Amino acid sequence: MASSNKTTNLNLSQWVSDDCPKMDDFNQDNQKIDTAFGQHTGDETLHLSQTDRQWLDAPFLVGSYVGDGVMRKVVPLAGTPKFLLVSQENSSPYQFDTSVQYAFQRFAVLFGNKGTNGIEADAEGFAVYQSVGGTSAGGTSICLNESGKTYWYVALM
């Protein structure tokens, strides 16, 4: 005998003491659960908010530029990035040189309009800086546009 009561959502058996469950009842309930779970987990849009979807739909750009040594260089993109990482190829992101007593910064992060030293948002993409001339002891030489050096960036637009 099938169950006297059923659950609201999946119509699963809810037996009472007078019911006599049959194997078919269990198998049917298992099939209902498996079908519902399969549909739920297969729905790739169900658990994302609109904000999550916008972030996932936003393009990531990966690119590079070669430094020209000028103090400020604009790297053009299709708009201003929301998030950006820049690093010099084959180089330490931050290196302290004891012989001159200052550091070389070859890595930068930009998040909206805020960033580390040497980088800023620009209407055309982003701008990087290069220290020109000497840096005083204890200071930092910004090295995000060294002449002839390759820099890689990852941008979230």
Foldseek 3Di string as FASTA:
>chain_A
DFAPAADDPQRQHDHDPVDDDDPVSVVVNVVSVVVVVVVVVVPPPVPDDPVRVVQVPFDKDKDKDAFAQAFKDDDFDPFEFQKKKKFWPPDDQKAADPVQQEMEHGIKIDHHQDIDPAKGTDGRYIMGGFDDDDDHHPYYTYHPRHHGIMMMMMTGD
